[in-house]
C-alpha atoms as a PDB file:
ATOM      1  CA  MET A   1     103.376 103.780 102.216  1.00  0.00           C
ATOM      2  CA  SER A   2     105.543 103.792 105.266  1.00  0.00           C
ATOM      3  CA  PHE A   3     107.115 106.763 107.017  1.00  0.00           C
ATOM      4  CA  ASN A   4     109.311 104.758 109.406  1.00  0.00           C
ATOM      5  CA  LEU A   5     112.928 105.640 108.499  1.00  0.00           C
ATOM      6  CA  ALA A   6     114.099 102.134 109.430  1.00  0.00           C
ATOM      7  CA  ASP A   7     111.577 100.581 107.017  1.00  0.00           C
ATOM      8  CA  PRO A   8     113.148  99.217 103.793  1.00  0.00           C
ATOM      9  CA  CYS A   9     110.037 100.318 101.898  1.00  0.00           C
ATOM     10  CA  LEU A  10     110.502 104.056 102.346  1.00  0.00           C
ATOM     11  CA  TRP A  11     109.683 104.651  98.655  1.00  0.00           C
ATOM     12  CA  CYS A  12     106.997 101.953  98.414  1.00  0.00           C
ATOM     13  CA  ILE A  13     103.607 103.215  97.257  1.00  0.00           C
ATOM     14  CA  GLU A  14     101.085 100.373  97.463  1.00  0.00           C
ATOM     15  CA  GLY A  15     103.670  97.863  96.258  1.00  0.00           C
ATOM     16  CA  SER A  16     105.341 100.091  93.656  1.00  0.00           C
ATOM     17  CA  SER A  17     108.493 102.203  93.721  1.00  0.00           C
ATOM     18  CA  PRO A  18     109.250 105.241  91.549  1.00  0.00           C
ATOM     19  CA  ALA A  19     111.706 104.179  88.829  1.00  0.00           C
ATOM     20  CA  GLY A  20     112.488 107.487  87.144  1.00  0.00           C
ATOM     21  CA  THR A  21     111.302 108.992  83.880  1.00  0.00           C
ATOM     22  CA  HIS A  22     111.317 107.010  80.652  1.00  0.00           C
ATOM     23  CA  ASP A  23     111.884 109.088  77.508  1.00  0.00           C
ATOM     24  CA  ILE A  24     108.601 107.866  75.934  1.00  0.00           C
ATOM     25  CA  LEU A  25     106.482 106.526  78.811  1.00  0.00           C
ATOM     26  CA  GLY A  26     107.199 109.451  81.120  1.00  0.00           C
ATOM     27  CA  PRO A  27     107.281 108.821  84.893  1.00  0.00           C
ATOM     28  CA  VAL A  28     107.318 105.085  85.605  1.00  0.00           C
ATOM     29  CA  TYR A  29     107.093 102.698  88.534  1.00  0.00           C
ATOM     30  CA  LYS A  30     108.513  99.239  89.185  1.00  0.00           C
ATOM     31  CA  PRO A  31     107.241  96.723  91.721  1.00  0.00           C
ATOM     32  CA  CYS A  32     108.789  97.439  95.120  1.00  0.00           C
ATOM     33  CA  PRO A  33     111.900  95.239  95.355  1.00  0.00           C
ATOM     34  CA  ALA A  34     111.548  94.902  99.139  1.00  0.00           C
ATOM     35  CA  CYS A  35     107.835  93.990  99.163  1.00  0.00           C
ATOM     36  CA  LEU A  36     107.310  92.079  95.932  1.00  0.00           C
ATOM     37  CA  GLY A  37     110.705  91.249  94.485  1.00  0.00           C
ATOM     38  CA  PRO A  38     111.408  91.108  90.753  1.00  0.00           C
ATOM     39  CA  CYS A  39     109.014  89.416  88.349  1.00  0.00           C
ATOM     40  CA  ALA A  40     110.068  85.817  87.656  1.00  0.00           C
ATOM     41  CA  LEU A  41     109.450  86.242  83.901  1.00  0.00           C
ATOM     42  CA  CYS A  42     110.827  89.691  82.985  1.00  0.00           C
ATOM     43  CA  GLU A  43     113.271  89.731  85.926  1.00  0.00           C
ATOM     44  CA  GLY A  44     112.061  93.165  87.030  1.00  0.00           C
ATOM     45  CA  ASP A  45     112.477  94.891  83.652  1.00  0.00           C
ATOM     46  CA  GLY A  46     108.740  95.698  83.367  1.00  0.00           C
ATOM     47  CA  LEU A  47     107.821  99.376  83.738  1.00  0.00           C
ATOM     48  CA  PHE A  48     104.458 100.742  84.814  1.00  0.00           C
ATOM     49  CA  PRO A  49     103.604 104.225  83.464  1.00  0.00           C
ATOM     50  CA  ALA A  50     102.409 106.636  86.140  1.00  0.00           C
ATOM     51  CA  ASP A  51     100.200 108.553  83.681  1.00  0.00           C
ATOM     52  CA  PHE A  52      97.906 105.620  82.932  1.00  0.00           C
ATOM     53  CA  VAL A  53      94.132 105.717  82.583  1.00  0.00           C
ATOM     54  CA  CYS A  54      93.258 102.507  80.763  1.00  0.00           C
ATOM     55  CA  MET A  55      94.895 100.045  78.387  1.00  0.00           C
ATOM     56  CA  PRO A  56      93.037 101.196  75.226  1.00  0.00           C
ATOM     57  CA  CYS A  57      93.988 104.834  75.887  1.00  0.00           C
ATOM     58  CA  PHE A  58      97.589 103.847  76.614  1.00  0.00           C
ATOM     59  CA  ARG A  59      97.843 101.848  73.374  1.00  0.00           C
ATOM     60  CA  GLU A  60      96.228 104.721  71.480  1.00  0.00           C
ATOM     61  CA  GLN A  61      98.761 107.221  72.885  1.00  0.00           C
ATOM     62  CA  LEU A  62     101.635 104.981  71.833  1.00  0.00           C
ATOM     63  CA  ALA A  63     100.077 104.281  68.415  1.00  0.00           C
ATOM     64  CA  ALA A  64      99.955 108.045  67.800  1.00  0.00           C
ATOM     65  CA  GLN A  65     103.760 107.941  68.191  1.00  0.00           C
ATOM     66  CA  GLY A  66     104.039 104.916  65.869  1.00  0.00           C
ATOM     67  CA  LEU A  67     104.756 102.490  68.719  1.00  0.00           C
ATOM     68  CA  ALA A  68     103.199  99.447  70.346  1.00  0.00           C
ATOM     69  CA  PRO A  69     104.005  98.113  73.833  1.00  0.00           C
ATOM     70  CA  ILE A  70     105.315  94.624  74.517  1.00  0.00           C
ATOM     71  CA  MET A  71     103.944  93.606  77.904  1.00  0.00           C
ATOM     72  CA  CYS A  72     105.269  90.999  80.314  1.00  0.00           C
ATOM     73  CA  ALA A  73     102.870  88.036  80.367  1.00  0.00           C
ATOM     74  CA  HIS A  74     103.349  87.652  84.129  1.00  0.00           C
ATOM     75  CA  CYS A  75     103.385  91.151  85.691  1.00  0.00           C
ATOM     76  CA  SER A  76     101.925  93.157  82.730  1.00  0.00           C
ATOM     77  CA  GLY A  77     104.772  95.677  82.853  1.00  0.00           C
ATOM     78  CA  VAL A  78     105.996  97.278  79.637  1.00  0.00           C
ATOM     79  CA  VAL A  79     109.207  95.475  78.689  1.00  0.00           C
ATOM     80  CA  ASP A  80     109.723  96.971  75.231  1.00  0.00           C
ATOM     81  CA  LEU A  81     108.285  99.349  72.650  1.00  0.00           C
ATOM     82  CA  ILE A  82     108.309  98.366  68.993  1.00  0.00           C
ATOM     83  CA  PRO A  83     107.490 100.327  65.817  1.00  0.00           C
ATOM     84  CA  LEU A  84     103.968  99.698  64.537  1.00  0.00           C
ATOM     85  CA  ASP A  85     105.282  98.994  61.037  1.00  0.00           C
ATOM     86  CA  THR A  86     106.681  95.664  62.308  1.00  0.00           C
ATOM     87  CA  ILE A  87     103.267  94.369  63.411  1.00  0.00           C
ATOM     88  CA  PRO A  88      99.692  94.750  62.131  1.00  0.00           C
ATOM     89  CA  ALA A  89      98.067  97.938  63.428  1.00  0.00           C
ATOM     90  CA  PRO A  90      95.943  97.094  66.486  1.00  0.00           C
ATOM     91  CA  GLU A  91      92.273  97.907  66.661  1.00  0.00           C
ATOM     92  CA  VAL A  92      92.159 100.381  69.529  1.00  0.00           C
ATOM     93  CA  THR A  93      89.049 102.133  70.754  1.00  0.00           C
ATOM     94  CA  GLY A  94      89.831 104.760  73.358  1.00  0.00           C
ATOM     95  CA  HIS A  95      87.415 106.350  75.768  1.00  0.00           C
ATOM     96  CA  VAL A  96      85.794 109.646  74.904  1.00  0.00           C
ATOM     97  CA  ASP A  97      85.571 110.813  78.527  1.00  0.00           C
ATOM     98  CA  HIS A  98      87.076 109.484  81.739  1.00  0.00           C
END
């Protein structure tokens, strides 16, 4: 993270920029547009949840809400959330303790 006011990456945190609060994912990040640019596949639409421990726990949290994430195959950002009734329920084993 830079503290130089002339630096275009003022909001860059290790390559990510705060992108607001998603109504389901909560606080999210996007790749820093100045450092990394948009993903070539999802064109920068991928979101990265700030409250993220591990993928199984994340999928389990969404499954409890009846949702499954669609992830970008290139940057692994969440590009969409779909109802679980449209796909087979995933086998998810979360961690007991972190």
